[in-house]
Amino acid sequence: MLGDMNVAATIAVKRLQDAKKFYGGTLGLKQVATEGDEAVTYRAGNSDLLVYRSQFAGTNKATAATWTVGDDGIEDLVDDLKTKGVPFEHYDMPGMTRQGELHVAEAIRAAWFKDPDGNILALVNR
């Protein structure tokens, strides 16, 4: 049924202009569609990320989208985002230790950050 279909992450934001600066500018995602002042679709690898205006923006307290970035380069991505002013989140997670901005558990390395509305986004090496 749905297992053979594409799925897109969907993130609510308060101000679409601020979101465009962050997702298109800071994160470097390619805009592939727009619906006026209501929504923008970005391409990330082979996936889509729909960003839309909503009064409920930023109310999700869990990770909204995760980029799988591979084993090489997660540290470079974190450093690049930090130079663009993106602060990283730090969480106490069972079985994980912190190495700088990265949370590490055996072969898994992950980092979390927020968009301007407080939506939680993640990078993971696998």
N, C-alpha and C. Protein backbone atom coordinates (compact mmCIF):
# COMPACT_ATOMS: atom_id res chain seq x y z
N MET A 1 0.83 -1.19 0.00
CA MET A 1 0.00 0.00 0.00
C MET A 1 0.88 1.25 0.00
N LEU A 2 1.09 1.89 1.14
CA LEU A 2 1.88 3.12 1.17
C LEU A 2 3.38 2.87 1.17
N GLY A 3 3.80 1.65 1.39
CA GLY A 3 5.21 1.31 1.44
C GLY A 3 5.96 1.58 0.14
N ASP A 4 5.26 1.66 -0.96
CA ASP A 4 5.88 1.93 -2.25
C ASP A 4 5.78 3.39 -2.68
N MET A 5 5.25 4.23 -1.82
CA MET A 5 5.03 5.64 -2.16
C MET A 5 6.03 6.54 -1.43
N ASN A 6 6.30 7.70 -2.01
CA ASN A 6 7.16 8.69 -1.36
C ASN A 6 6.43 9.35 -0.21
N VAL A 7 7.20 9.81 0.76
CA VAL A 7 6.64 10.56 1.88
C VAL A 7 7.51 11.81 2.07
N ALA A 8 6.90 12.88 2.54
CA ALA A 8 7.64 14.13 2.75
C ALA A 8 7.48 14.58 4.20
N ALA A 9 8.54 15.12 4.77
CA ALA A 9 8.43 15.75 6.08
C ALA A 9 7.65 17.05 5.91
N THR A 10 6.82 17.38 6.89
CA THR A 10 5.97 18.56 6.84
C THR A 10 6.19 19.36 8.12
N ILE A 11 6.61 20.63 7.96
CA ILE A 11 6.97 21.44 9.12
C ILE A 11 6.19 22.75 9.11
N ALA A 12 5.54 23.03 10.24
CA ALA A 12 4.77 24.26 10.40
C ALA A 12 5.67 25.41 10.85
N VAL A 13 5.46 26.59 10.26
CA VAL A 13 6.22 27.79 10.62
C VAL A 13 5.25 28.96 10.76
N LYS A 14 5.67 29.96 11.54
CA LYS A 14 4.82 31.14 11.70
C LYS A 14 4.99 32.12 10.55
N ARG A 15 6.25 32.38 10.19
CA ARG A 15 6.54 33.36 9.13
C ARG A 15 7.30 32.66 8.01
N LEU A 16 6.65 32.57 6.86
CA LEU A 16 7.24 31.86 5.74
C LEU A 16 8.52 32.53 5.26
N GLN A 17 8.60 33.85 5.32
CA GLN A 17 9.81 34.55 4.88
C GLN A 17 11.02 34.16 5.73
N ASP A 18 10.82 34.08 7.05
CA ASP A 18 11.91 33.65 7.93
C ASP A 18 12.31 32.21 7.63
N ALA A 19 11.32 31.37 7.38
CA ALA A 19 11.59 29.97 7.07
C ALA A 19 12.36 29.84 5.76
N LYS A 20 12.03 30.66 4.77
CA LYS A 20 12.75 30.61 3.49
C LYS A 20 14.22 30.96 3.68
N LYS A 21 14.50 31.95 4.51
CA LYS A 21 15.89 32.32 4.78
C LYS A 21 16.64 31.17 5.44
N PHE A 22 15.97 30.51 6.37
CA PHE A 22 16.61 29.43 7.11
C PHE A 22 16.78 28.18 6.25
N TYR A 23 15.68 27.67 5.70
CA TYR A 23 15.74 26.40 4.96
C TYR A 23 16.45 26.55 3.62
N GLY A 24 16.19 27.63 2.90
CA GLY A 24 16.84 27.84 1.62
C GLY A 24 18.24 28.41 1.76
N GLY A 25 18.40 29.40 2.63
CA GLY A 25 19.69 30.06 2.79
C GLY A 25 20.63 29.33 3.71
N THR A 26 20.28 29.24 4.98
CA THR A 26 21.17 28.64 5.98
C THR A 26 21.42 27.15 5.71
N LEU A 27 20.35 26.39 5.46
CA LEU A 27 20.51 24.96 5.24
C LEU A 27 20.84 24.60 3.80
N GLY A 28 20.61 25.52 2.88
CA GLY A 28 20.97 25.29 1.48
C GLY A 28 20.06 24.34 0.73
N LEU A 29 18.80 24.24 1.15
CA LEU A 29 17.86 23.37 0.44
C LEU A 29 17.36 24.07 -0.82
N LYS A 30 17.08 23.29 -1.84
CA LYS A 30 16.61 23.82 -3.12
C LYS A 30 15.08 23.90 -3.13
N GLN A 31 14.56 25.11 -3.35
CA GLN A 31 13.12 25.28 -3.44
C GLN A 31 12.63 24.70 -4.77
N VAL A 32 11.62 23.83 -4.70
CA VAL A 32 11.10 23.20 -5.92
C VAL A 32 9.65 23.57 -6.21
N ALA A 33 8.94 24.14 -5.24
CA ALA A 33 7.56 24.55 -5.46
C ALA A 33 7.16 25.57 -4.41
N THR A 34 6.15 26.33 -4.73
CA THR A 34 5.62 27.30 -3.77
C THR A 34 4.12 27.42 -3.95
N GLU A 35 3.45 27.74 -2.88
CA GLU A 35 2.01 28.00 -2.92
C GLU A 35 1.78 29.37 -2.30
N GLY A 36 2.18 30.41 -3.05
CA GLY A 36 2.02 31.79 -2.58
C GLY A 36 2.71 32.03 -1.27
N ASP A 37 1.98 32.65 -0.34
CA ASP A 37 2.53 32.95 0.98
C ASP A 37 2.18 31.87 2.01
N GLU A 38 1.74 30.72 1.53
CA GLU A 38 1.28 29.68 2.45
C GLU A 38 2.24 28.51 2.62
N ALA A 39 2.98 28.14 1.57
CA ALA A 39 3.82 26.95 1.67
C ALA A 39 4.95 26.97 0.65
N VAL A 40 6.03 26.30 1.00
CA VAL A 40 7.18 26.12 0.12
C VAL A 40 7.61 24.66 0.24
N THR A 41 7.95 24.05 -0.89
CA THR A 41 8.50 22.71 -0.89
C THR A 41 9.96 22.79 -1.28
N TYR A 42 10.80 22.12 -0.49
CA TYR A 42 12.24 22.06 -0.74
C TYR A 42 12.62 20.62 -1.07
N ARG A 43 13.68 20.47 -1.84
CA ARG A 43 14.23 19.15 -2.14
C ARG A 43 15.47 18.97 -1.29
N ALA A 44 15.55 17.81 -0.66
CA ALA A 44 16.71 17.43 0.14
C ALA A 44 17.07 16.01 -0.27
N GLY A 45 18.10 15.85 -1.07
CA GLY A 45 18.43 14.53 -1.60
C GLY A 45 17.31 14.07 -2.51
N ASN A 46 16.72 12.92 -2.21
CA ASN A 46 15.59 12.41 -2.99
C ASN A 46 14.26 12.62 -2.26
N SER A 47 14.28 13.45 -1.23
CA SER A 47 13.09 13.68 -0.40
C SER A 47 12.62 15.11 -0.51
N ASP A 48 11.38 15.32 -0.14
CA ASP A 48 10.82 16.67 -0.10
C ASP A 48 10.57 17.08 1.35
N LEU A 49 10.68 18.37 1.58
CA LEU A 49 10.37 18.97 2.87
C LEU A 49 9.38 20.08 2.61
N LEU A 50 8.16 19.92 3.10
CA LEU A 50 7.12 20.92 2.94
C LEU A 50 7.10 21.82 4.17
N VAL A 51 7.26 23.10 3.96
CA VAL A 51 7.22 24.09 5.04
C VAL A 51 5.98 24.94 4.79
N TYR A 52 5.10 25.02 5.78
CA TYR A 52 3.84 25.75 5.58
C TYR A 52 3.51 26.62 6.78
N ARG A 53 2.74 27.67 6.53
CA ARG A 53 2.33 28.59 7.59
C ARG A 53 1.25 27.94 8.45
N SER A 54 1.40 28.09 9.78
CA SER A 54 0.41 27.55 10.70
C SER A 54 0.50 28.26 12.04
N GLN A 55 -0.63 28.43 12.67
CA GLN A 55 -0.65 29.01 14.01
C GLN A 55 -0.06 28.06 15.05
N PHE A 56 0.11 26.80 14.69
CA PHE A 56 0.64 25.80 15.62
C PHE A 56 2.14 25.58 15.45
N ALA A 57 2.79 26.44 14.73
CA ALA A 57 4.24 26.31 14.48
C ALA A 57 5.01 26.23 15.78
N GLY A 58 6.00 25.34 15.80
CA GLY A 58 6.90 25.24 16.94
C GLY A 58 6.35 24.53 18.15
N THR A 59 5.16 23.96 18.06
CA THR A 59 4.57 23.29 19.23
C THR A 59 4.99 21.84 19.36
N ASN A 60 5.57 21.26 18.32
CA ASN A 60 6.06 19.88 18.38
C ASN A 60 7.34 19.87 19.23
N LYS A 61 7.38 19.05 20.24
CA LYS A 61 8.54 18.98 21.13
C LYS A 61 9.44 17.78 20.81
N ALA A 62 9.21 17.17 19.65
CA ALA A 62 10.01 16.03 19.21
C ALA A 62 10.67 16.37 17.88
N THR A 63 11.57 15.53 17.43
CA THR A 63 12.26 15.76 16.16
C THR A 63 11.26 15.73 15.01
N ALA A 64 11.27 16.79 14.18
CA ALA A 64 10.34 16.91 13.06
C ALA A 64 10.93 16.35 11.76
N ALA A 65 12.23 16.45 11.59
CA ALA A 65 12.88 15.96 10.36
C ALA A 65 14.32 15.58 10.69
N THR A 66 14.80 14.52 10.04
CA THR A 66 16.16 14.05 10.24
C THR A 66 16.83 13.85 8.89
N TRP A 67 18.02 14.41 8.75
CA TRP A 67 18.83 14.20 7.55
C TRP A 67 19.84 13.09 7.84
N THR A 68 19.85 12.06 7.01
CA THR A 68 20.85 11.01 7.09
C THR A 68 22.04 11.47 6.25
N VAL A 69 23.14 11.77 6.90
CA VAL A 69 24.26 12.44 6.23
C VAL A 69 25.46 11.54 5.97
N GLY A 70 25.39 10.29 6.37
CA GLY A 70 26.49 9.37 6.13
C GLY A 70 27.55 9.44 7.21
N ASP A 71 28.45 8.46 7.16
CA ASP A 71 29.49 8.35 8.19
C ASP A 71 30.54 9.44 8.10
N ASP A 72 30.84 9.90 6.90
CA ASP A 72 31.86 10.93 6.73
C ASP A 72 31.21 12.30 6.65
N GLY A 73 31.70 13.22 7.40
CA GLY A 73 31.29 14.60 7.22
C GLY A 73 30.26 15.16 8.17
N ILE A 74 29.74 14.38 9.12
CA ILE A 74 28.76 14.96 10.03
C ILE A 74 29.38 16.09 10.84
N GLU A 75 30.65 15.91 11.24
CA GLU A 75 31.32 16.96 11.99
C GLU A 75 31.47 18.23 11.15
N ASP A 76 31.80 18.07 9.87
CA ASP A 76 31.94 19.23 8.98
C ASP A 76 30.61 19.94 8.79
N LEU A 77 29.52 19.19 8.67
CA LEU A 77 28.19 19.81 8.54
C LEU A 77 27.84 20.61 9.79
N VAL A 78 28.11 20.02 10.95
CA VAL A 78 27.84 20.72 12.21
C VAL A 78 28.67 22.00 12.27
N ASP A 79 29.94 21.91 11.95
CA ASP A 79 30.80 23.11 11.97
C ASP A 79 30.30 24.17 10.99
N ASP A 80 29.90 23.74 9.80
CA ASP A 80 29.39 24.69 8.79
C ASP A 80 28.13 25.39 9.29
N LEU A 81 27.21 24.63 9.87
CA LEU A 81 25.99 25.25 10.39
C LEU A 81 26.29 26.18 11.56
N LYS A 82 27.25 25.80 12.40
CA LYS A 82 27.63 26.69 13.51
C LYS A 82 28.18 28.02 12.99
N THR A 83 28.98 27.98 11.91
CA THR A 83 29.51 29.24 11.35
C THR A 83 28.40 30.10 10.77
N LYS A 84 27.26 29.48 10.45
CA LYS A 84 26.10 30.23 9.94
C LYS A 84 25.18 30.68 11.07
N GLY A 85 25.62 30.45 12.31
CA GLY A 85 24.86 30.92 13.47
C GLY A 85 23.83 29.96 14.02
N VAL A 86 23.86 28.71 13.59
CA VAL A 86 22.90 27.72 14.08
C VAL A 86 23.40 27.14 15.40
N PRO A 87 22.66 27.36 16.49
CA PRO A 87 23.05 26.73 17.76
C PRO A 87 22.54 25.29 17.82
N PHE A 88 23.29 24.43 18.49
CA PHE A 88 22.91 23.03 18.60
C PHE A 88 22.33 22.74 19.97
N GLU A 89 21.41 21.78 19.99
CA GLU A 89 20.73 21.36 21.20
C GLU A 89 21.52 20.23 21.85
N HIS A 90 21.40 20.14 23.17
CA HIS A 90 22.06 19.06 23.91
C HIS A 90 21.02 18.39 24.79
N TYR A 91 20.93 17.09 24.65
CA TYR A 91 19.93 16.32 25.38
C TYR A 91 20.61 15.23 26.20
N ASP A 92 20.02 14.90 27.34
CA ASP A 92 20.46 13.76 28.12
C ASP A 92 19.73 12.55 27.58
N MET A 93 20.48 11.68 26.91
CA MET A 93 19.86 10.52 26.28
C MET A 93 20.54 9.25 26.80
N PRO A 94 19.75 8.30 27.27
CA PRO A 94 20.32 7.05 27.78
C PRO A 94 21.20 6.37 26.73
N GLY A 95 22.38 5.95 27.15
CA GLY A 95 23.27 5.22 26.27
C GLY A 95 24.09 6.10 25.33
N MET A 96 23.93 7.41 25.42
CA MET A 96 24.68 8.31 24.53
C MET A 96 25.58 9.21 25.36
N THR A 97 26.74 9.51 24.80
CA THR A 97 27.64 10.48 25.40
C THR A 97 27.78 11.64 24.44
N ARG A 98 28.28 12.75 24.94
CA ARG A 98 28.48 13.93 24.09
C ARG A 98 29.94 14.05 23.74
N GLN A 99 30.17 14.35 22.46
CA GLN A 99 31.49 14.71 21.95
C GLN A 99 31.30 16.02 21.21
N GLY A 100 31.53 17.13 21.90
CA GLY A 100 31.25 18.44 21.32
C GLY A 100 29.75 18.58 21.11
N GLU A 101 29.34 18.85 19.89
CA GLU A 101 27.92 19.00 19.57
C GLU A 101 27.25 17.66 19.26
N LEU A 102 28.05 16.61 19.10
CA LEU A 102 27.51 15.31 18.70
C LEU A 102 27.13 14.46 19.90
N HIS A 103 26.02 13.73 19.74
CA HIS A 103 25.61 12.70 20.68
C HIS A 103 26.06 11.39 20.05
N VAL A 104 26.76 10.55 20.82
CA VAL A 104 27.39 9.35 20.27
C VAL A 104 26.95 8.12 21.07
N ALA A 105 26.60 7.07 20.33
CA ALA A 105 26.30 5.76 20.92
C ALA A 105 26.80 4.71 19.94
N GLU A 106 27.91 4.06 20.31
CA GLU A 106 28.56 3.09 19.44
C GLU A 106 28.82 3.72 18.07
N ALA A 107 28.21 3.21 16.99
CA ALA A 107 28.48 3.75 15.65
C ALA A 107 27.58 4.93 15.27
N ILE A 108 26.63 5.26 16.11
CA ILE A 108 25.69 6.34 15.79
C ILE A 108 26.21 7.68 16.31
N ARG A 109 26.20 8.67 15.43
CA ARG A 109 26.54 10.05 15.80
C ARG A 109 25.41 10.93 15.30
N ALA A 110 24.88 11.78 16.19
CA ALA A 110 23.73 12.61 15.84
C ALA A 110 23.88 13.99 16.47
N ALA A 111 23.22 14.96 15.83
CA ALA A 111 23.21 16.33 16.36
C ALA A 111 21.82 16.91 16.10
N TRP A 112 21.34 17.72 17.04
CA TRP A 112 20.03 18.33 16.92
C TRP A 112 20.15 19.85 16.96
N PHE A 113 19.28 20.51 16.19
CA PHE A 113 19.20 21.97 16.18
C PHE A 113 17.76 22.37 15.90
N LYS A 114 17.45 23.65 16.03
CA LYS A 114 16.08 24.12 15.82
C LYS A 114 16.02 25.15 14.70
N ASP A 115 14.87 25.20 14.05
CA ASP A 115 14.62 26.25 13.07
C ASP A 115 14.15 27.50 13.82
N PRO A 116 13.91 28.63 13.14
CA PRO A 116 13.51 29.86 13.85
C PRO A 116 12.23 29.74 14.67
N ASP A 117 11.37 28.75 14.35
CA ASP A 117 10.13 28.58 15.11
C ASP A 117 10.25 27.56 16.23
N GLY A 118 11.43 26.98 16.40
CA GLY A 118 11.63 26.01 17.47
C GLY A 118 11.38 24.56 17.06
N ASN A 119 11.15 24.33 15.77
CA ASN A 119 11.01 22.94 15.29
C ASN A 119 12.36 22.25 15.41
N ILE A 120 12.36 21.04 15.96
CA ILE A 120 13.60 20.31 16.19
C ILE A 120 13.97 19.52 14.93
N LEU A 121 15.21 19.73 14.48
CA LEU A 121 15.75 19.06 13.29
C LEU A 121 17.00 18.30 13.69
N ALA A 122 17.32 17.24 12.95
CA ALA A 122 18.46 16.41 13.34
C ALA A 122 19.32 16.03 12.15
N LEU A 123 20.57 15.77 12.46
CA LEU A 123 21.52 15.17 11.54
C LEU A 123 21.95 13.85 12.17
N VAL A 124 22.03 12.79 11.39
CA VAL A 124 22.51 11.51 11.90
C VAL A 124 23.40 10.88 10.84
N ASN A 125 24.43 10.18 11.30
CA ASN A 125 25.40 9.64 10.36
C ASN A 125 24.89 8.41 9.62
N ARG A 126 23.81 7.79 10.03
CA ARG A 126 23.28 6.64 9.28
C ARG A 126 21.78 6.56 9.37
